[in-house]
Protein backbone atom coordinates (compact mmCIF):
# COMPACT_ATOMS: atom_id res chain seq x y z
CA MET A 1 -7.17 -23.80 6.97
CA ALA A 2 -10.86 -24.24 7.85
CA LEU A 3 -13.23 -22.87 5.22
CA ILE A 4 -16.89 -21.98 5.54
CA ASN A 5 -18.94 -25.12 4.89
CA ARG A 6 -21.30 -25.38 1.94
CA PRO A 7 -24.66 -24.68 3.71
CA ASP A 8 -23.18 -21.71 5.56
CA LEU A 9 -21.62 -20.48 2.32
CA SER A 10 -25.01 -20.21 0.60
CA ARG A 11 -26.49 -18.36 3.57
CA ARG A 12 -23.49 -16.02 3.73
CA ILE A 13 -23.63 -15.20 0.01
CA LEU A 14 -27.37 -14.62 -0.14
CA SER A 15 -27.44 -12.62 3.09
CA ASP A 16 -25.62 -9.89 1.17
CA THR A 17 -28.15 -7.41 -0.26
CA ILE A 18 -26.36 -7.05 -3.60
CA ASN A 19 -25.88 -10.78 -4.16
CA LYS A 20 -29.47 -11.50 -3.25
CA TRP A 21 -30.83 -8.81 -5.58
CA ILE A 22 -28.66 -9.87 -8.53
CA PHE A 23 -29.52 -13.56 -8.29
CA ASN A 24 -33.22 -12.70 -7.92
CA ASN A 25 -33.38 -10.16 -10.75
CA ALA A 26 -30.93 -11.19 -13.47
CA LYS A 27 -32.75 -12.46 -16.55
CA ALA A 28 -29.68 -14.37 -17.72
CA ARG A 29 -27.79 -17.01 -15.77
CA VAL A 30 -25.25 -15.39 -13.43
CA PHE A 31 -22.22 -16.85 -11.65
CA LEU A 32 -20.49 -15.30 -8.64
CA VAL A 33 -16.76 -15.69 -9.29
CA GLY A 34 -13.26 -14.63 -8.31
CA GLY A 35 -11.94 -12.91 -5.22
CA HIS A 36 -15.32 -12.23 -3.62
CA LEU A 37 -16.17 -15.92 -3.53
CA ARG A 38 -12.65 -16.79 -2.37
CA ASP A 39 -12.83 -14.30 0.51
CA ILE A 40 -16.25 -15.51 1.62
CA LEU A 41 -14.88 -19.06 1.76
CA LEU A 42 -12.02 -17.77 3.92
CA GLY A 43 -14.38 -15.83 6.18
CA ARG A 44 -12.83 -12.54 5.03
CA ARG A 45 -14.60 -9.29 4.18
CA SER A 46 -14.43 -8.43 0.49
CA MET A 47 -15.18 -5.00 -0.94
CA ASP A 48 -15.51 -5.95 -4.61
CA MET A 49 -17.83 -8.39 -6.40
CA ASP A 50 -17.39 -10.19 -9.71
CA TYR A 51 -20.12 -11.85 -11.75
CA VAL A 52 -20.00 -13.73 -15.02
CA VAL A 53 -23.17 -13.36 -17.07
CA ASP A 54 -24.29 -15.94 -19.63
CA GLY A 55 -25.24 -13.27 -22.15
CA ASP A 56 -24.90 -9.49 -22.44
CA PRO A 57 -24.18 -8.12 -18.94
CA LEU A 58 -25.23 -4.56 -19.78
CA GLU A 59 -28.89 -4.96 -18.82
CA ILE A 60 -28.26 -6.28 -15.29
CA ALA A 61 -25.36 -3.83 -14.78
CA ARG A 62 -27.51 -0.86 -15.80
CA GLU A 63 -30.31 -1.93 -13.47
CA ALA A 64 -27.87 -2.57 -10.59
CA SER A 65 -26.39 0.92 -11.00
CA ARG A 66 -29.92 2.38 -10.72
CA VAL A 67 -30.98 0.29 -7.70
CA PHE A 68 -27.75 0.77 -5.74
CA MET A 69 -27.13 4.36 -6.91
CA GLY A 70 -23.82 3.51 -8.52
CA THR A 71 -21.92 4.81 -11.53
CA LEU A 72 -21.92 2.58 -14.62
CA ILE A 73 -18.70 2.23 -16.62
CA ILE A 74 -18.54 0.17 -19.82
CA PHE A 75 -15.20 -1.30 -20.94
CA LYS A 76 -14.13 -3.11 -24.08
CA GLY A 77 -15.40 -6.63 -24.47
CA HIS A 78 -18.81 -5.79 -22.97
CA VAL A 79 -17.36 -5.72 -19.45
CA CYS A 80 -19.51 -3.50 -17.22
CA ARG A 81 -18.49 -1.99 -13.88
CA VAL A 82 -20.70 -0.38 -11.27
CA VAL A 83 -18.90 1.82 -8.76
CA LEU A 84 -20.99 2.28 -5.61
CA PRO A 85 -21.02 5.42 -3.43
CA ASP A 86 -19.01 3.58 -0.72
CA ARG A 87 -16.33 2.78 -3.38
CA ARG A 88 -17.24 -0.88 -3.66
CA ILE A 89 -16.97 -2.21 -7.20
CA ILE A 90 -19.30 -4.63 -8.96
CA ASP A 91 -18.01 -6.14 -12.22
CA PHE A 92 -20.17 -7.94 -14.77
CA THR A 93 -18.29 -9.92 -17.44
CA PRO A 94 -19.75 -11.93 -20.33
CA LEU A 95 -19.27 -15.69 -20.14
CA LYS A 96 -16.47 -17.05 -22.37
CA GLY A 97 -17.66 -20.41 -23.69
CA ASP A 98 -18.96 -22.49 -20.82
CA ILE A 99 -18.22 -21.71 -17.18
CA HIS A 100 -15.47 -24.32 -16.89
CA ASN A 101 -13.65 -22.84 -19.88
CA ASP A 102 -14.15 -19.34 -18.49
CA LEU A 103 -12.70 -20.24 -15.11
CA MET A 104 -9.67 -22.01 -16.61
CA GLN A 105 -8.63 -18.74 -18.30
CA ARG A 106 -8.18 -17.00 -14.93
CA ASP A 107 -4.99 -16.44 -12.98
CA PHE A 108 -4.82 -18.75 -9.94
CA THR A 109 -6.80 -21.74 -8.75
CA ILE A 110 -8.09 -19.89 -5.69
CA ASN A 111 -9.71 -17.32 -8.02
CA ALA A 112 -10.97 -19.86 -10.54
CA MET A 113 -14.18 -20.88 -8.75
CA ALA A 114 -17.79 -19.94 -9.35
CA TRP A 115 -21.06 -20.25 -7.42
CA THR A 116 -24.75 -20.27 -8.29
CA PRO A 117 -27.76 -20.74 -5.98
CA GLU A 118 -28.84 -23.78 -7.98
CA GLY A 119 -25.55 -25.60 -8.43
CA GLY A 120 -23.37 -24.39 -5.59
CA ILE A 121 -19.60 -24.24 -6.10
CA ILE A 122 -17.96 -24.98 -9.43
CA ASP A 123 -14.26 -25.71 -8.89
CA PRO A 124 -12.56 -27.23 -11.97
CA SER A 125 -8.94 -26.65 -10.85
CA GLY A 126 -8.85 -27.55 -7.16
CA GLY A 127 -9.18 -24.03 -5.80
CA ILE A 128 -10.84 -25.16 -2.56
CA ARG A 129 -8.02 -27.61 -1.89
CA ASP A 130 -5.43 -24.85 -2.43
CA LEU A 131 -7.35 -22.49 -0.14
CA GLU A 132 -7.30 -25.15 2.58
CA ARG A 133 -3.56 -25.68 2.10
CA GLY A 134 -2.78 -21.96 1.82
CA ILE A 135 -1.20 -22.19 -1.63
CA ILE A 136 -1.01 -19.84 -4.61
CA ARG A 137 -0.97 -21.98 -7.76
CA VAL A 138 -1.14 -20.63 -11.29
CA LEU A 139 -3.48 -22.32 -13.74
CA SER A 140 -1.05 -22.33 -16.68
CA SER A 141 1.97 -20.57 -18.14
CA ALA A 142 -0.24 -19.43 -21.04
CA ASN A 143 -2.44 -17.52 -18.59
CA LEU A 144 0.63 -15.62 -17.35
CA GLU A 145 1.59 -14.81 -20.93
CA ASP A 146 -1.92 -13.52 -21.64
CA ASP A 147 -1.59 -11.00 -18.79
CA PRO A 148 1.98 -10.73 -17.38
CA LEU A 149 0.71 -8.61 -14.48
CA ARG A 150 -0.47 -11.90 -13.01
CA VAL A 151 3.20 -12.57 -12.22
CA LEU A 152 3.17 -9.73 -9.68
CA ARG A 153 -0.33 -10.57 -8.49
CA ALA A 154 0.93 -13.95 -7.29
CA TYR A 155 3.07 -12.23 -4.66
CA ARG A 156 0.33 -9.74 -3.82
CA HIS A 157 -2.21 -12.51 -3.18
CA ALA A 158 0.35 -14.46 -1.15
CA ALA A 159 1.13 -11.38 0.96
CA GLU A 160 -2.51 -10.47 1.56
CA LEU A 161 -3.56 -14.00 2.45
CA SER A 162 -0.32 -15.16 4.14
CA PHE A 163 -0.16 -18.03 1.62
CA ARG A 164 2.89 -19.67 0.09
CA ILE A 165 3.57 -19.87 -3.62
CA ASP A 166 3.61 -23.33 -5.16
CA ARG A 167 7.11 -24.42 -6.32
CA GLU A 168 6.09 -24.99 -9.94
CA THR A 169 4.31 -21.64 -9.92
CA SER A 170 7.54 -19.96 -8.74
CA ARG A 171 9.33 -21.46 -11.71
CA LEU A 172 6.69 -20.14 -14.10
CA LEU A 173 6.77 -16.71 -12.47
CA GLU A 174 10.52 -16.58 -13.05
CA GLU A 175 10.09 -17.65 -16.67
CA ASN A 176 7.50 -14.96 -17.33
CA ALA A 177 8.99 -12.11 -15.25
CA SER A 178 10.27 -10.21 -18.29
CA GLY A 179 6.68 -9.87 -19.52
CA LEU A 180 6.14 -7.23 -16.82
CA LYS A 181 8.07 -4.81 -19.03
CA GLN A 182 5.09 -4.85 -21.40
CA VAL A 183 2.58 -3.98 -18.65
CA SER A 184 1.54 -0.39 -18.00
CA PRO A 185 3.52 1.15 -15.11
CA GLU A 186 0.29 2.25 -13.42
CA ARG A 187 -0.94 -1.34 -13.10
CA ILE A 188 2.44 -2.52 -11.78
CA THR A 189 2.55 0.33 -9.27
CA TYR A 190 -0.94 -0.49 -7.96
CA GLU A 191 -0.07 -4.15 -7.32
CA PHE A 192 3.35 -3.37 -5.85
CA PHE A 193 1.92 -0.80 -3.44
CA ARG A 194 -0.62 -3.36 -2.22
CA ILE A 195 2.27 -5.68 -1.36
CA LEU A 196 4.12 -2.91 0.50
CA ASN A 197 1.02 -2.18 2.60
CA GLN A 198 1.12 -5.67 4.11
CA GLU A 199 2.70 -6.08 7.56
CA ASP A 200 4.95 -8.97 6.48
CA CYS A 201 5.77 -7.88 2.93
CA HIS A 202 9.49 -8.64 3.31
CA ARG A 203 8.96 -12.40 3.06
CA TYR A 204 7.14 -12.08 -0.27
CA LEU A 205 9.53 -9.53 -1.75
CA VAL A 206 12.42 -11.86 -0.91
CA ARG A 207 10.54 -14.63 -2.73
CA ALA A 208 10.08 -12.27 -5.69
CA PHE A 209 13.80 -11.46 -5.55
CA LYS A 210 14.79 -15.15 -5.59
CA ASP A 211 12.44 -15.69 -8.53
CA GLY A 212 14.07 -12.78 -10.41
CA VAL A 213 10.81 -10.80 -10.47
CA LEU A 214 11.66 -7.98 -8.07
CA GLN A 215 14.74 -7.06 -10.12
CA VAL A 216 12.51 -6.39 -13.13
CA ILE A 217 10.42 -3.91 -11.13
CA ILE A 218 13.21 -2.32 -9.06
CA ARG A 219 16.25 -1.92 -11.31
CA ILE A 220 19.09 -1.51 -8.89
CA ASP A 221 22.06 -3.85 -8.64
CA GLY A 222 21.41 -7.18 -6.97
CA ASP A 223 23.76 -6.72 -4.01
CA SER A 224 22.23 -3.35 -3.11
CA LEU A 225 18.72 -4.73 -3.45
CA LYS A 226 19.58 -7.72 -1.27
CA GLU A 227 21.04 -5.45 1.42
CA ASN A 228 18.01 -3.15 1.29
CA LEU A 229 15.74 -6.15 1.75
CA ARG A 230 17.71 -6.98 4.91
CA VAL A 231 17.07 -3.45 6.18
CA LEU A 232 13.38 -3.89 5.37
CA ARG A 233 13.36 -7.14 7.37
CA ARG A 234 14.89 -5.32 10.37
CA PHE A 235 12.23 -2.63 10.12
CA GLU A 236 9.38 -5.14 10.02
CA SER A 237 10.91 -7.06 12.92
CA PHE A 238 11.17 -3.82 14.88
CA MET A 239 7.53 -2.99 14.13
CA ASP A 240 6.41 -6.47 15.15
CA ARG A 241 8.32 -6.39 18.46
CA ASN A 242 7.04 -2.91 19.29
CA HIS A 243 3.50 -3.26 17.95
CA ASP A 244 1.72 -2.78 21.27
CA ARG A 245 4.19 -0.22 22.58
CA LEU A 246 4.01 1.87 19.42
CA GLY A 247 0.22 1.61 19.44
CA ARG A 248 0.10 3.09 22.95
CA LEU A 249 2.51 5.88 22.02
CA LEU A 250 0.49 6.82 18.93
CA ARG A 251 -2.82 6.67 20.80
CA ARG A 252 -1.37 9.07 23.35
CA ARG A 253 -0.78 11.49 20.46
CA ARG A 254 -4.19 10.83 18.91
CA LEU A 255 -2.43 9.33 15.92
CA VAL A 256 -4.20 5.96 15.84
CA GLY A 257 -4.18 4.73 12.25
CA LEU A 258 -1.31 7.00 11.24
CA LEU A 259 0.62 4.25 9.46
CA ASP A 260 -2.53 3.05 7.67
CA GLU A 261 -3.23 6.51 6.28
CA GLU A 262 -3.19 6.58 2.48
CA ILE A 263 -0.78 9.04 0.87
CA SER A 264 -1.75 8.51 -2.78
CA GLN A 265 -2.31 5.66 -5.27
CA GLY A 266 -3.33 3.38 -2.41
CA LEU A 267 0.12 3.58 -0.76
CA GLU A 268 -0.07 3.88 3.03
CA ARG A 269 2.46 5.61 5.27
CA ALA A 270 3.91 2.28 6.44
CA GLY A 271 4.25 1.26 2.80
CA LEU A 272 6.07 4.51 2.04
CA ILE A 273 8.69 3.70 4.69
CA LYS A 274 9.19 0.26 3.16
CA LEU A 275 9.49 1.69 -0.35
CA CYS A 276 12.16 4.12 0.82
CA LEU A 277 14.08 1.29 2.50
CA ILE A 278 13.96 -0.83 -0.68
CA LEU A 279 15.23 2.13 -2.73
CA LYS A 280 17.78 3.17 -0.09
CA GLY A 281 20.75 4.83 -1.75
CA HIS A 282 19.15 5.00 -5.20
CA GLY A 283 15.89 6.95 -5.29
CA LEU A 284 13.18 6.36 -7.88
CA ASN A 285 13.23 7.29 -11.58
CA LYS A 286 12.80 5.64 -14.97
CA ARG A 287 16.26 4.09 -14.74
CA THR A 288 15.65 2.47 -11.35
CA GLY A 289 12.26 0.88 -11.85
CA LEU A 290 8.98 0.27 -13.62
CA LEU A 291 6.97 2.14 -10.99
CA ARG A 292 5.22 5.40 -11.91
CA VAL A 293 4.19 7.34 -8.85
CA ALA A 294 2.20 10.49 -8.18
CA ARG A 295 3.96 13.75 -7.50
CA ARG A 296 2.99 13.62 -3.83
CA ILE A 297 4.65 10.22 -3.41
CA LYS A 298 7.75 11.34 -5.32
CA LYS A 299 8.18 14.22 -2.91
CA ALA A 300 7.60 11.96 0.09
CA ILE A 301 10.24 9.51 -1.20
CA ARG A 302 12.74 12.32 -1.72
CA ASP A 303 12.10 13.80 1.72
CA LEU A 304 12.20 10.56 3.69
CA SER A 305 15.16 9.21 1.70
CA LYS A 306 17.13 12.37 2.45
CA ALA A 307 16.27 11.97 6.12
CA LEU A 308 17.53 8.36 6.00
CA GLU A 309 20.81 9.48 4.46
CA LEU A 310 21.30 11.97 7.29
CA SER A 311 20.66 9.29 9.91
CA ARG A 312 24.04 7.60 9.44
CA GLY A 313 26.40 7.82 12.37
CA ARG A 314 25.87 9.51 15.71
CA ILE A 315 22.56 11.34 16.11
CA THR A 316 23.22 14.64 17.85
CA GLU A 317 20.45 17.15 18.58
CA GLU A 318 21.57 19.20 15.61
CA ARG A 319 21.61 16.15 13.35
CA LEU A 320 18.17 15.15 14.61
CA TYR A 321 16.83 18.58 13.72
CA ASP A 322 18.26 18.23 10.20
CA ILE A 323 16.69 14.77 9.85
CA PHE A 324 13.27 16.02 10.90
CA SER A 325 13.58 19.08 8.62
CA ALA A 326 14.48 16.88 5.65
CA SER A 327 11.57 14.49 6.26
CA GLY A 328 8.93 17.06 5.31
CA GLY A 329 5.52 15.87 6.49
CA HIS A 330 6.90 12.52 7.66
CA VAL A 331 8.55 13.37 10.96
CA TYR A 332 6.97 10.48 12.87
CA GLU A 333 7.94 8.01 10.16
CA ALA A 334 11.52 9.28 10.40
CA SER A 335 11.42 8.69 14.17
CA MET A 336 10.38 5.08 13.63
CA VAL A 337 13.12 4.42 11.09
CA LEU A 338 15.70 5.96 13.43
CA SER A 339 14.47 3.58 16.14
CA ILE A 340 15.38 0.47 14.15
CA ARG A 341 18.95 0.71 15.47
CA ARG A 342 18.01 2.68 18.58
CA GLU A 343 15.00 0.71 19.81
CA GLU A 344 15.30 1.92 23.39
CA ARG A 345 14.97 5.51 22.13
CA LEU A 346 11.62 5.07 20.37
CA GLU A 347 9.60 7.04 22.92
CA GLU A 348 12.26 9.72 23.20
CA LEU A 349 12.44 10.15 19.41
CA LEU A 350 8.67 10.42 19.14
CA GLU A 351 8.71 13.07 21.87
CA ARG A 352 11.34 15.01 19.96
CA ALA A 353 9.16 14.73 16.87
CA ASP A 354 6.34 16.23 18.96
CA ASP A 355 8.65 19.11 19.91
CA PHE A 356 9.68 19.70 16.29
CA ILE A 357 6.06 19.91 15.15
CA ARG A 358 4.88 21.96 18.14
CA PHE A 359 7.64 24.56 17.81
CA LYS A 360 6.87 24.81 14.08
CA LYS A 361 3.19 25.43 14.71
CA ARG A 362 3.65 27.74 17.71
CA PRO A 363 6.94 29.63 17.32
CA LEU A 364 8.15 32.09 19.97
CA LEU A 365 7.88 34.88 17.38
CA ASN A 366 5.57 34.99 14.39
CA GLY A 367 6.39 36.49 11.00
CA GLU A 368 4.89 39.89 11.82
CA GLU A 369 6.85 40.16 15.05
CA ILE A 370 10.10 39.31 13.24
CA ARG A 371 9.31 41.92 10.59
CA GLU A 372 8.89 44.59 13.25
CA ILE A 373 12.14 43.61 14.99
CA LEU A 374 14.06 43.83 11.72
CA GLY A 375 12.49 47.08 10.61
CA GLY A 376 10.00 45.90 8.02
CA VAL A 377 12.04 43.36 5.99
CA ARG A 378 10.06 40.85 3.96
CA GLY A 379 10.30 37.55 2.10
CA VAL A 380 13.41 35.39 2.30
CA MET A 381 14.82 37.15 5.36
CA ILE A 382 11.69 36.35 7.38
CA GLY A 383 11.88 32.70 6.37
CA ARG A 384 15.55 32.47 7.33
CA ALA A 385 14.82 34.06 10.70
CA GLN A 386 11.95 31.66 11.37
CA ALA A 387 14.17 28.66 10.52
CA LEU A 388 16.88 29.96 12.87
CA LEU A 389 14.39 30.35 15.73
CA HIS A 390 12.87 26.94 15.11
CA ARG A 391 16.27 25.23 15.23
CA ALA A 392 17.35 27.15 18.35
CA GLN A 393 14.09 26.39 20.17
CA PHE A 394 14.28 22.68 19.22
CA MET A 395 17.84 22.50 20.59
CA GLY A 396 16.87 24.24 23.82
CA GLN A 397 18.96 27.35 23.14
CA ILE A 398 16.02 29.75 23.53
CA ARG A 399 12.90 29.50 25.68
CA THR A 400 11.35 33.00 25.79
CA LYS A 401 10.34 35.76 23.40
CA THR A 402 13.14 37.94 24.76
CA MET A 403 15.73 35.27 24.00
CA ALA A 404 14.25 34.83 20.53
CA LYS A 405 14.40 38.59 19.87
CA ASP A 406 18.03 38.76 21.00
CA LEU A 407 18.93 35.87 18.70
CA ILE A 408 17.28 37.59 15.73
CA LEU A 409 19.05 40.88 16.41
CA SER A 410 22.45 39.23 16.84
CA ASN A 411 22.19 37.32 13.57
CA PHE A 412 20.40 39.73 11.23
CA THR A 413 21.54 43.24 12.24
């Protein structure tokens, strides 16, 4: 992998307004470290910045928050964070010993590099070599023990960068997998969702499964988990084969970016589908995993999982209506999952999803009209009548207001 060369690296770093200001205004020695430096070397855009300060970082952090109109947050250990209006994050951390010692306490070699305008890159562990080779390599087993979440981060970094995990690192990840049980569920959930959001997450989850890590996070029996990973692979293969076709179909519906839309906790709609496939047949609760998800995601998992259960066997029009009804606000996602085994029907299923949504938004009879037909009834009866009309219209049994009125009268009087 070709990295940005040293002269270009300096120009790239100092062309950034924040980097330039910090290196020009910090009164203590400052090092640019971590993922931001790694991503610049790879030619990638990075939202967050990390600096190590040889001294108390509060002064430079406070001034940066004023200059860039950010919000200053102070954590334990004198770590200071500035959250900018565009959601970028700037972290200032005090130097631990000398810079070499500080870097060797980090997670992976590709994150254990630093840069200064005067000295250039400091790379005590071969991070540049591993970037060039596309390898995730842990610095030491002790560093995994210090923060077991780093076990999961190995797979997240590999998935985001399309890197492979070093063989010895895989062994250490397996040895330290049980440490994840001591990590807060919120931190595990954040990292796991970032893996699910990647287009080719299956490959890295299979690696995590072989290393015995996935089973710590998703506590369902091994055979079921292995089978669900196969279903996930089929879904990702389907999405890859139909990438351009699906893009055209979604653009036609003005739904560009639908699958990248965040639901909650950083989980995107595509990631939700993958989570449901991994949990297929089990659902999500304290007994089945270490994840702790927001109420909105819990509901989405329940809805889409129920839709998946209904998709077994032959899909009649009536069954399709039930699937779409069960999926809640995820009708298009349900269409895509149905298309895994019915690839030639993708466009047809999306069109039927359009019908389901359109008939829901613009019914033949509204609630007030139904109330008048039934002589002023309210509440549950109106809802039942609306559901009956929606189903009948979706299945092509009624097409006019008169037909809708006759159906109401024949079923509710």
